[in-house]
Amino acid sequence: MLKVFGQAGAGLFAAHDVIEKEVRRQYGVRVIGRIDSVQERFYAISVERKVKHPAVVAIADAAREKLFD
């Protein structure tokens, strides 16, 4: 709902800067400010204690590099 109100010019919502370009394109919105103190956590849930599948390892490594470097 926040995105709908924001898109209509009746509110605002937060989005990660990694997806800023896509959010701006999709919703036709603009950046009005930035908050450096907000933190997000991402979890990958697996039935295995340690991820072993090469494709899953590659995806996790790429996400870690893209999001946290």
Protein backbone atom coordinates (compact mmCIF):
# COMPACT_ATOMS: atom_id res chain seq x y z
CA MET A 1 0.00 0.00 0.00
CA LEU A 2 2.86 2.38 0.75
CA LYS A 3 4.15 1.98 -2.80
CA VAL A 4 0.70 2.66 -4.25
CA PHE A 5 0.30 5.83 -2.17
CA GLY A 6 3.85 6.89 -3.06
CA GLN A 7 3.21 6.30 -6.74
CA ALA A 8 0.06 8.43 -6.52
CA GLY A 9 1.97 11.24 -4.83
CA ALA A 10 0.14 10.72 -1.54
CA GLY A 11 2.96 9.28 0.54
CA LEU A 12 6.45 7.90 0.57
CA PHE A 13 8.19 4.59 1.03
CA ALA A 14 11.68 3.27 1.58
CA ALA A 15 13.63 1.18 -0.92
CA HIS A 16 17.19 -0.07 -0.97
CA ASP A 17 19.57 1.89 -3.20
CA VAL A 18 20.55 -1.35 -4.97
CA ILE A 19 17.11 -1.34 -6.63
CA GLU A 20 16.67 2.44 -6.89
CA LYS A 21 16.77 2.62 -10.68
CA GLU A 22 14.15 -0.13 -11.06
CA VAL A 23 11.86 1.36 -8.39
CA ARG A 24 12.07 4.79 -10.03
CA ARG A 25 11.23 3.29 -13.43
CA GLN A 26 8.46 0.98 -12.23
CA TYR A 27 6.65 3.42 -9.95
CA GLY A 28 7.49 6.74 -11.60
CA VAL A 29 8.81 8.15 -8.33
CA ARG A 30 11.84 10.19 -7.32
CA VAL A 31 14.31 10.11 -4.45
CA ILE A 32 13.61 12.74 -1.80
CA GLY A 33 16.20 11.66 0.75
CA ARG A 34 18.49 8.95 2.03
CA ILE A 35 18.81 7.31 5.42
CA ASP A 36 22.24 5.84 6.13
CA SER A 37 21.37 4.32 9.49
CA VAL A 38 18.79 1.78 8.25
CA GLN A 39 20.03 -1.81 8.02
CA GLU A 40 18.53 -4.80 6.23
CA ARG A 41 19.23 -8.47 6.75
CA PHE A 42 18.87 -11.16 4.14
CA TYR A 43 18.61 -14.85 4.93
CA ALA A 44 19.06 -17.90 2.75
CA ILE A 45 17.31 -20.87 4.28
CA SER A 46 18.55 -24.34 3.44
CA VAL A 47 17.81 -27.81 4.73
CA GLU A 48 21.55 -28.45 4.69
CA ARG A 49 23.80 -27.01 7.35
CA LYS A 50 26.29 -25.83 4.72
CA VAL A 51 25.35 -24.96 1.14
CA LYS A 52 27.07 -27.36 -1.24
CA HIS A 53 25.32 -27.04 -4.60
CA PRO A 54 27.63 -25.07 -6.95
CA ALA A 55 24.79 -22.96 -8.40
CA VAL A 56 23.49 -21.99 -4.96
CA VAL A 57 27.01 -21.20 -3.77
CA ALA A 58 27.54 -18.97 -6.84
CA ILE A 59 24.26 -17.11 -6.28
CA ALA A 60 25.00 -16.57 -2.59
CA ASP A 61 28.53 -15.35 -3.32
CA ALA A 62 27.33 -12.97 -6.06
CA ALA A 63 24.60 -11.57 -3.81
CA ARG A 64 27.07 -11.10 -0.97
CA GLU A 65 29.47 -9.19 -3.25
CA LYS A 66 26.75 -7.05 -4.87
CA LEU A 67 24.95 -6.14 -1.67
CA PHE A 68 27.75 -5.83 0.85
CA ASP A 69 30.84 -4.58 -0.99
